[in-house]
Amino acid sequence: MGLKLRTVPGGTITSPRGFQAGAAFAGMKTLGEDRRDLAILYSETPCTATGVFTSTKIKAAPVVISQKHLAKGCAQAIVANSGRSNAFTGEQGLEDAAEMAALTAAKLGLGPGEVLVASTGVTGVRLDMETIGAAIKGLTLSRQGGHDMAQAITTTDTFTKEEAIAFELGGREVTVGGIAKGAGMIHPDLCTLLCFLTTDAAVDGDFLRKAFRRVMAVSFNMLTIDGDTSPNDTVVLLANGVAGNDPIRGGVGAEAFQRALEGVCIHLAKCIARDGEGATKLIEVTVEGALTEQEARMAARTVASSPLVKTAVYGADPNWGRILAAVGRSGAEVVESKIDLFFDDICLLKGGTPLPFSREEARAVLSRTEVPIRIYLNLGTAKGTAWGCDLTEEYIRLNSAYTT
C-alpha cells in the first residue's frame, strides 16, 4: 500500500524545510500593480539537482549558464527575473547571466557554479546589471518568501502558481513544493515556462533524475496554449535532504515521492493552462485505448493544441468533427470505426458512427470553465491526458501589443 499524500495549505516552494526565498524590484517589470521582478531561492544546505530546458537550438543566456552549472548534478540557489528574458542578447547576455549568478553567490556565500539563473520577459533587450546588482544585495530571504518569488516571476500571468504536497516516510515528514509561471508561448516539448521545484527529501541522484523525467512526460510536456515555445524554458528540481530520511532509491518511498512530485507538477501545469493569455476555459483532453503511451499523448496534445478545437470551445460550438480531424493527423494509430468520442458524459460518436445528441446539453458542457473531452481509440490499453485552453480575441489583443 502506498503512503498517503496530503496537500499543504498555502503550500509553495519554501514549504519544504531548509529553503528560503525573497523578491525585490529591479526595474524590469512594467505590467501590474505588484512590480517585484527579481527573486532568489536558497537552500541552507547543498542540493542534489536536476532540470530540463528548452529544446530550441537558440537558447537564452540564462539557460546556457544554468545547463553548465547543473552539469555536475548539484546546486544550492536560483536567481530569477521577469520583465526581460536576456534572450537573443549575444555574448553580453552570457556575461550578464554569469554576473547574476556571481552576485547571488557572493550574497549567499556560495560559489557561482552553485547558482542557477532563469529569466523571462521581452526578448532582445539587455539587462540593467547595475540595478539588478543593487536589488540582489538588498533582497531579504525568509521561509515565507516563496509567495513573493511566485509573484516576482510572473509576466502576463493573472495569478501565481504554487503548490506543495507532503507525506510521511519512515517517521519523517517529506514535502515537495513548487512554483511556476506561464500564460503564453506554451507548447511541448518543453512548453514555455519557468518552474522551480524543491523537496526536503534525501533522494538518490540517479533516481531523482529518472523520476523527474517521468513526471515531466505526464505534466508540463502535456501542456499547450498557443503552439509557440521560448528560448528560456526552465524546470529545475532541488532536493536538500533536510527531512533526514534514508535516501530514496526505490520501494514505497520512491512511489510516494513520484506521486507527490507528479501531483505538484500536474497542478502547476493545469494552473498554467487555465491562465492562458486571454483564456476563459481549461480544456482537458483524455485519450484512452491507444496502442502506446506515446501515441495516446500525441493524440491528446494534438487535440488540445488545435486552433479549430480551441475556438470551438471558446464559442461553445459542439463541432466535434474538428476533434476527430485532429486525432486523425496526430500521428497516432487510429481506426475510424473503433473511435468513441465524449464531451464529459455525452457520447457524440460510437464506433465511428455519429449519435444523435442534444446541442443544448453539449453547449452546456463546452460553456463550463473546465471542459472535459474524452476519446477512446479502442486499439490498446494506453492512456494520455493533455491540458490546453480556449483561444479568444483577448489573446490576439495581448500579443499584438506586447512591447508597446
Protein backbone atom coordinates (compact mmCIF):
# COMPACT_ATOMS: atom_id res chain seq x y z
CA MET A 1 0.00 0.00 0.00
CA GLY A 2 1.34 3.44 -0.94
CA LEU A 3 1.90 6.23 1.52
CA LYS A 4 -0.84 8.82 1.99
CA LEU A 5 -0.22 12.22 0.41
CA ARG A 6 -1.68 15.49 1.66
CA THR A 7 -1.83 18.92 0.09
CA VAL A 8 -0.10 21.57 2.23
CA PRO A 9 -2.44 24.53 2.86
CA GLY A 10 -0.92 27.63 1.29
CA GLY A 11 1.93 25.49 0.01
CA THR A 12 4.73 26.97 -2.05
CA ILE A 13 8.37 26.46 -2.97
CA THR A 14 9.59 27.19 0.57
CA SER A 15 7.20 24.72 2.23
CA PRO A 16 9.94 22.04 2.23
CA ARG A 17 12.28 22.63 5.16
CA GLY A 18 15.64 24.29 4.64
CA PHE A 19 14.56 26.59 1.79
CA GLN A 20 14.24 30.37 1.85
CA ALA A 21 13.23 32.87 -0.82
CA GLY A 22 12.73 36.56 -1.35
CA ALA A 23 11.90 39.09 -4.05
CA ALA A 24 12.59 42.70 -4.92
CA PHE A 25 12.03 45.31 -7.66
CA ALA A 26 14.85 45.80 -10.17
CA GLY A 27 13.09 47.97 -12.74
CA MET A 28 12.27 45.36 -15.38
CA LYS A 29 8.55 44.70 -14.95
CA THR A 30 6.04 47.21 -16.25
CA LEU A 31 2.75 45.33 -16.01
CA GLY A 32 0.58 45.01 -12.92
CA GLU A 33 0.44 46.61 -9.53
CA ASP A 34 2.95 44.23 -7.93
CA ARG A 35 6.21 45.20 -9.61
CA ARG A 36 8.59 42.72 -7.94
CA ASP A 37 10.65 41.27 -10.76
CA LEU A 38 13.74 39.69 -9.19
CA ALA A 39 13.82 36.72 -6.82
CA ILE A 40 16.24 34.33 -5.14
CA LEU A 41 15.65 30.79 -3.88
CA TYR A 42 18.24 29.48 -1.42
CA SER A 43 18.78 26.13 0.28
CA GLU A 44 20.55 26.17 3.63
CA THR A 45 22.38 23.01 2.57
CA PRO A 46 23.72 21.78 -0.81
CA CYS A 47 21.17 20.04 -3.02
CA THR A 48 21.07 17.18 -5.44
CA ALA A 49 19.61 18.84 -8.52
CA THR A 50 18.23 18.09 -11.95
CA GLY A 51 16.48 20.05 -14.66
CA VAL A 52 15.18 20.22 -18.18
CA PHE A 53 15.40 23.17 -20.52
CA THR A 54 14.09 24.50 -23.81
CA SER A 55 14.51 22.22 -26.81
CA THR A 56 15.08 25.12 -29.21
CA LYS A 57 18.55 25.46 -30.76
CA ILE A 58 18.63 29.17 -29.93
CA LYS A 59 18.84 29.20 -26.15
CA ALA A 60 18.66 32.24 -23.90
CA ALA A 61 21.79 33.15 -21.94
CA PRO A 62 20.38 32.04 -18.54
CA VAL A 63 19.65 28.59 -19.97
CA VAL A 64 23.21 28.24 -21.27
CA ILE A 65 24.66 29.24 -17.89
CA SER A 66 22.28 27.04 -15.88
CA GLN A 67 22.90 23.98 -18.03
CA LYS A 68 26.63 24.48 -17.48
CA HIS A 69 26.24 24.86 -13.70
CA LEU A 70 23.81 21.94 -13.43
CA ALA A 71 26.07 19.52 -15.30
CA LYS A 72 27.57 18.34 -12.01
CA GLY A 73 24.12 17.40 -10.63
CA CYS A 74 24.03 19.82 -7.70
CA ALA A 75 23.05 23.41 -6.91
CA GLN A 76 22.12 25.48 -3.88
CA ALA A 77 20.36 28.60 -5.19
CA ILE A 78 18.36 30.04 -8.08
CA VAL A 79 18.18 33.68 -9.13
CA ALA A 80 15.32 34.58 -11.48
CA ASN A 81 13.92 37.71 -13.04
CA SER A 82 10.89 38.70 -15.08
CA GLY A 83 10.34 41.58 -17.49
CA ARG A 84 13.41 40.90 -19.64
CA SER A 85 14.31 37.43 -20.83
CA ASN A 86 18.00 38.03 -21.64
CA ALA A 87 17.40 36.07 -24.85
CA PHE A 88 18.94 36.96 -28.23
CA THR A 89 21.43 39.25 -26.45
CA GLY A 90 24.69 37.77 -27.73
CA GLU A 91 27.91 37.44 -25.74
CA GLN A 92 26.91 40.33 -23.47
CA GLY A 93 23.83 38.39 -22.43
CA LEU A 94 26.00 35.44 -21.39
CA GLU A 95 28.21 37.76 -19.36
CA ASP A 96 25.15 39.29 -17.68
CA ALA A 97 23.68 35.89 -16.80
CA ALA A 98 27.02 34.77 -15.36
CA GLU A 99 27.20 38.01 -13.38
CA MET A 100 23.73 37.40 -11.93
CA ALA A 101 24.97 34.02 -10.67
CA ALA A 102 28.17 35.57 -9.27
CA LEU A 103 26.34 38.39 -7.49
CA THR A 104 23.90 35.94 -5.94
CA ALA A 105 26.71 33.60 -4.93
CA ALA A 106 28.56 36.48 -3.22
CA LYS A 107 25.43 37.42 -1.28
CA LEU A 108 24.88 33.83 -0.09
CA GLY A 109 28.50 32.79 0.46
CA LEU A 110 28.44 30.26 -2.37
CA GLY A 111 30.46 29.60 -5.49
CA PRO A 112 28.95 30.95 -8.76
CA GLY A 113 28.65 27.39 -10.06
CA GLU A 114 26.21 26.59 -7.26
CA VAL A 115 23.71 29.17 -8.54
CA LEU A 116 21.26 28.63 -11.40
CA VAL A 117 19.84 31.54 -13.41
CA ALA A 118 16.44 31.97 -15.07
CA SER A 119 14.84 34.90 -16.89
CA THR A 120 11.52 35.61 -18.63
CA GLY A 121 10.01 38.55 -20.44
CA VAL A 122 10.71 40.60 -23.56
CA THR A 123 13.46 39.24 -25.83
CA GLY A 124 16.35 41.14 -27.39
CA VAL A 125 16.74 43.66 -24.55
CA ARG A 126 19.79 43.79 -22.27
CA LEU A 127 19.53 43.59 -18.51
CA ASP A 128 20.41 46.60 -16.37
CA MET A 129 23.06 44.90 -14.27
CA GLU A 130 23.66 47.90 -12.02
CA THR A 131 20.02 47.91 -10.90
CA ILE A 132 19.93 44.12 -10.66
CA GLY A 133 23.09 44.08 -8.56
CA ALA A 134 21.64 46.59 -6.10
CA ALA A 135 18.40 44.62 -5.88
CA ILE A 136 20.25 41.36 -5.19
CA LYS A 137 22.29 42.95 -2.41
CA GLY A 138 19.22 44.42 -0.72
CA LEU A 139 16.96 41.38 -1.10
CA THR A 140 15.78 39.66 2.12
CA LEU A 141 15.22 35.90 2.29
CA SER A 142 12.74 34.08 4.54
CA ARG A 143 10.79 30.85 4.90
CA GLN A 144 7.67 32.79 3.89
CA GLY A 145 9.32 34.25 0.78
CA GLY A 146 8.10 31.58 -1.63
CA HIS A 147 4.87 33.50 -2.27
CA ASP A 148 6.84 36.65 -3.13
CA MET A 149 9.05 34.69 -5.53
CA ALA A 150 5.99 33.19 -7.22
CA GLN A 151 4.74 36.73 -7.85
CA ALA A 152 8.09 38.09 -8.98
CA ILE A 153 8.50 35.61 -11.85
CA THR A 154 5.10 36.34 -13.44
CA THR A 155 4.67 38.27 -16.69
CA THR A 156 1.22 38.15 -18.31
CA ASP A 157 0.03 35.68 -15.65
CA THR A 158 -3.17 36.75 -13.88
CA PHE A 159 -2.42 34.71 -10.74
CA THR A 160 0.52 32.96 -9.10
CA LYS A 161 1.00 29.21 -9.48
CA GLU A 162 2.07 27.45 -6.26
CA GLU A 163 1.64 24.01 -4.70
CA ALA A 164 3.12 21.70 -2.04
CA ILE A 165 2.39 18.07 -1.16
CA ALA A 166 3.66 16.20 1.91
CA PHE A 167 3.80 12.60 3.11
CA GLU A 168 5.37 10.68 6.00
CA LEU A 169 8.31 8.41 5.26
CA GLY A 170 9.97 6.35 8.00
CA GLY A 171 8.63 8.68 10.69
CA ARG A 172 9.85 11.78 8.83
CA GLU A 173 7.64 14.26 7.04
CA VAL A 174 8.75 14.83 3.46
CA THR A 175 7.47 17.74 1.37
CA VAL A 176 7.60 18.58 -2.32
CA GLY A 177 6.85 22.20 -3.31
CA GLY A 178 6.89 24.27 -6.44
CA ILE A 179 6.05 27.48 -8.24
CA ALA A 180 5.63 28.19 -11.94
CA LYS A 181 4.90 30.99 -14.35
CA GLY A 182 3.46 30.87 -17.82
CA ALA A 183 0.47 32.11 -19.79
CA GLY A 184 1.66 32.42 -23.40
CA MET A 185 4.19 30.72 -25.70
CA ILE A 186 3.28 27.36 -24.18
CA HIS A 187 3.70 24.14 -26.14
CA PRO A 188 5.53 20.80 -25.74
CA ASP A 189 8.39 19.96 -25.57
CA LEU A 190 9.21 21.71 -23.14
CA CYS A 191 6.41 24.31 -23.08
CA THR A 192 7.29 27.93 -22.42
CA LEU A 193 7.58 28.41 -18.72
CA LEU A 194 9.69 28.74 -15.64
CA CYS A 195 9.11 26.19 -12.91
CA PHE A 196 11.15 25.72 -9.74
CA LEU A 197 10.61 22.64 -7.58
CA THR A 198 12.02 21.80 -4.16
CA THR A 199 11.96 18.91 -1.73
CA ASP A 200 13.46 18.35 1.69
CA ALA A 201 13.70 14.62 0.95
CA ALA A 202 17.03 12.90 0.66
CA VAL A 203 16.91 11.40 -2.84
CA ASP A 204 19.46 9.33 -4.72
CA GLY A 205 20.67 11.35 -7.69
CA ASP A 206 20.01 8.70 -10.34
CA PHE A 207 16.50 8.08 -9.05
CA LEU A 208 15.82 11.82 -8.84
CA ARG A 209 16.67 12.31 -12.50
CA LYS A 210 14.59 9.34 -13.63
CA ALA A 211 11.59 10.32 -11.50
CA PHE A 212 11.82 13.91 -12.71
CA ARG A 213 11.77 12.94 -16.37
CA ARG A 214 8.86 10.54 -15.88
CA VAL A 215 6.88 13.32 -14.25
CA MET A 216 7.76 15.82 -16.97
CA ALA A 217 6.35 13.44 -19.58
CA VAL A 218 2.87 13.46 -18.00
CA SER A 219 2.73 17.06 -16.78
CA PHE A 220 4.46 20.02 -18.46
CA ASN A 221 5.07 18.15 -21.70
CA MET A 222 1.31 17.59 -21.94
CA LEU A 223 0.58 21.30 -21.72
CA THR A 224 -0.20 23.56 -24.67
CA ILE A 225 -1.62 27.06 -25.08
CA ASP A 226 -0.64 28.55 -28.42
CA GLY A 227 1.83 26.30 -30.22
CA ASP A 228 4.84 28.54 -29.61
CA THR A 229 7.86 27.85 -27.43
CA SER A 230 10.56 30.01 -25.87
CA PRO A 231 14.35 30.14 -25.62
CA ASN A 232 14.05 30.43 -21.81
CA ASP A 233 12.10 27.31 -20.77
CA THR A 234 13.46 26.01 -17.48
CA VAL A 235 12.21 23.44 -14.97
CA VAL A 236 14.55 22.69 -12.07
CA LEU A 237 14.24 20.41 -9.03
CA LEU A 238 16.39 20.81 -5.89
CA ALA A 239 16.50 18.14 -3.16
CA ASN A 240 18.32 19.15 0.05
CA GLY A 241 17.77 16.08 2.28
CA VAL A 242 16.87 18.16 5.38
CA ALA A 243 13.97 15.78 6.17
CA GLY A 244 16.60 13.27 7.32
CA ASN A 245 15.10 10.22 5.65
CA ASP A 246 17.16 7.41 4.22
CA PRO A 247 17.90 8.37 0.59
CA ILE A 248 15.01 7.39 -1.68
CA ARG A 249 16.03 4.86 -4.29
CA GLY A 250 13.06 2.53 -4.63
CA GLY A 251 10.18 0.87 -2.82
CA VAL A 252 7.21 2.58 -1.18
CA GLY A 253 9.16 5.79 -0.58
CA ALA A 254 10.03 6.06 -4.26
CA GLU A 255 6.41 5.52 -5.25
CA ALA A 256 5.18 8.19 -2.81
CA PHE A 257 7.83 10.68 -3.90
CA GLN A 258 6.97 10.12 -7.56
CA ARG A 259 3.26 10.64 -6.84
CA ALA A 260 3.92 13.80 -4.82
CA LEU A 261 6.17 15.28 -7.50
CA GLU A 262 3.63 14.37 -10.17
CA GLY A 263 0.82 15.91 -8.13
CA VAL A 264 2.68 19.21 -7.77
CA CYS A 265 3.66 19.37 -11.44
CA ILE A 266 0.22 18.45 -12.81
CA HIS A 267 -1.39 21.04 -10.53
CA LEU A 268 1.00 23.71 -11.79
CA ALA A 269 0.54 22.63 -15.43
CA LYS A 270 -3.25 22.87 -15.13
CA CYS A 271 -2.92 26.29 -13.50
CA ILE A 272 -0.87 27.48 -16.47
CA ALA A 273 -3.42 26.12 -18.96
CA ARG A 274 -6.25 27.76 -17.01
CA ASP A 275 -4.34 31.07 -17.08
CA GLY A 276 -3.55 31.01 -20.80
CA GLU A 277 -3.38 34.51 -22.26
CA GLY A 278 -6.96 35.65 -22.82
CA ALA A 279 -8.33 32.23 -21.89
CA THR A 280 -11.75 31.69 -20.33
CA LYS A 281 -11.71 27.89 -20.13
CA LEU A 282 -9.39 24.99 -19.24
CA ILE A 283 -9.59 22.15 -21.76
CA GLU A 284 -8.70 18.63 -20.58
CA VAL A 285 -8.30 16.04 -23.34
CA THR A 286 -8.02 12.39 -22.33
CA VAL A 287 -7.23 9.70 -24.90
CA GLU A 288 -7.65 6.06 -23.87
CA GLY A 289 -7.22 2.76 -25.66
CA ALA A 290 -4.15 3.77 -27.68
CA LEU A 291 -1.50 1.26 -28.71
CA THR A 292 1.24 3.05 -26.73
CA GLU A 293 1.51 5.83 -24.17
CA GLN A 294 3.46 7.89 -26.68
CA GLU A 295 0.62 7.64 -29.19
CA ALA A 296 -2.01 8.45 -26.55
CA ARG A 297 -0.07 11.57 -25.61
CA MET A 298 0.42 12.56 -29.23
CA ALA A 299 -3.30 12.36 -29.90
CA ALA A 300 -4.27 14.22 -26.73
CA ARG A 301 -1.76 17.01 -27.33
CA THR A 302 -2.81 17.43 -30.96
CA VAL A 303 -6.46 17.89 -29.99
CA ALA A 304 -5.61 20.27 -27.13
CA SER A 305 -3.40 22.40 -29.39
CA SER A 306 -5.75 22.58 -32.39
CA PRO A 307 -6.77 26.22 -33.08
CA LEU A 308 -10.07 24.96 -34.51
CA VAL A 309 -10.85 22.95 -31.39
CA LYS A 310 -9.80 25.83 -29.15
CA THR A 311 -12.01 28.34 -30.94
CA ALA A 312 -14.95 25.93 -30.97
CA VAL A 313 -14.63 25.53 -27.20
CA TYR A 314 -14.47 29.32 -26.80
CA GLY A 315 -17.75 29.68 -28.71
CA ALA A 316 -19.31 26.61 -27.04
CA ASP A 317 -19.83 25.22 -30.55
CA PRO A 318 -20.21 21.39 -30.46
CA ASN A 319 -18.39 20.99 -33.79
CA TRP A 320 -16.92 17.64 -32.79
CA GLY A 321 -15.59 16.84 -36.26
CA ARG A 322 -12.67 19.17 -35.52
CA ILE A 323 -11.63 16.86 -32.69
CA LEU A 324 -11.76 13.78 -34.92
CA ALA A 325 -9.73 15.57 -37.58
CA ALA A 326 -7.05 16.43 -35.02
CA VAL A 327 -6.88 12.82 -33.83
CA GLY A 328 -6.50 11.66 -37.42
CA ARG A 329 -3.48 13.89 -38.08
CA SER A 330 -1.83 13.34 -34.68
CA GLY A 331 0.43 10.51 -35.82
CA ALA A 332 -1.24 8.01 -33.50
CA GLU A 333 -2.56 4.78 -34.97
CA VAL A 334 -6.35 5.10 -35.29
CA VAL A 335 -9.20 3.15 -36.87
CA GLU A 336 -12.21 5.35 -37.53
CA SER A 337 -14.72 2.53 -36.99
CA LYS A 338 -13.42 1.97 -33.45
CA ILE A 339 -13.39 5.53 -32.09
CA ASP A 340 -15.73 6.76 -29.34
CA LEU A 341 -15.94 10.47 -28.52
CA PHE A 342 -17.46 12.22 -25.50
CA PHE A 343 -17.97 15.73 -24.17
CA ASP A 344 -17.85 14.73 -20.49
CA ASP A 345 -20.58 12.01 -20.35
CA ILE A 346 -22.30 12.99 -23.62
CA CYS A 347 -21.45 10.43 -26.31
CA LEU A 348 -21.17 12.04 -29.76
CA LEU A 349 -19.53 9.21 -31.67
CA LYS A 350 -19.69 5.45 -31.01
CA GLY A 351 -17.61 3.03 -33.05
CA GLY A 352 -17.04 5.76 -35.62
CA THR A 353 -20.79 6.32 -36.03
CA PRO A 354 -22.28 9.74 -35.13
CA LEU A 355 -25.02 9.59 -32.50
CA PRO A 356 -27.93 11.98 -32.02
CA PHE A 357 -27.27 14.35 -29.09
CA SER A 358 -28.75 17.46 -27.51
CA ARG A 359 -26.86 20.50 -28.79
CA GLU A 360 -28.06 22.42 -25.75
CA GLU A 361 -26.53 19.84 -23.38
CA ALA A 362 -23.31 19.76 -25.41
CA ARG A 363 -23.11 23.55 -25.38
CA ALA A 364 -23.63 23.48 -21.61
CA VAL A 365 -20.53 21.25 -21.23
CA LEU A 366 -18.50 23.49 -23.53
CA SER A 367 -19.61 26.55 -21.56
CA ARG A 368 -18.03 25.30 -18.33
CA THR A 369 -14.80 26.81 -17.04
CA GLU A 370 -13.33 23.29 -17.27
CA VAL A 371 -14.17 21.36 -20.44
CA PRO A 372 -13.52 17.58 -20.43
CA ILE A 373 -13.09 15.86 -23.82
CA ARG A 374 -12.70 12.07 -23.81
CA ILE A 375 -11.60 9.99 -26.79
CA TYR A 376 -11.46 6.18 -26.84
CA LEU A 377 -9.38 4.68 -29.66
CA ASN A 378 -10.17 1.08 -28.57
CA LEU A 379 -6.95 -0.35 -30.00
CA GLY A 380 -4.91 -0.96 -26.86
CA THR A 381 -4.63 -0.04 -23.18
CA ALA A 382 -2.50 3.12 -23.16
CA LYS A 383 -3.80 6.45 -21.87
CA GLY A 384 -2.70 10.09 -22.04
CA THR A 385 -4.10 13.42 -20.85
CA ALA A 386 -3.27 16.88 -22.16
CA TRP A 387 -4.29 20.34 -20.99
CA GLY A 388 -4.95 23.46 -23.00
CA CYS A 389 -7.28 26.43 -23.12
CA ASP A 390 -9.66 28.19 -25.47
CA LEU A 391 -8.44 30.77 -27.99
CA THR A 392 -10.04 34.19 -27.68
CA GLU A 393 -9.87 37.70 -29.11
CA GLU A 394 -8.03 38.75 -25.94
CA TYR A 395 -5.06 36.53 -26.84
CA ILE A 396 -4.67 38.46 -30.09
CA ARG A 397 -5.01 41.80 -28.31
CA LEU A 398 -2.36 40.94 -25.72
CA ASN A 399 0.16 39.62 -28.22
CA SER A 400 -0.35 42.29 -30.85
CA ALA A 401 0.85 44.96 -28.39
CA TYR A 402 3.20 43.04 -26.09
CA THR A 403 6.10 45.51 -26.29
CA THR A 404 4.05 48.68 -26.82
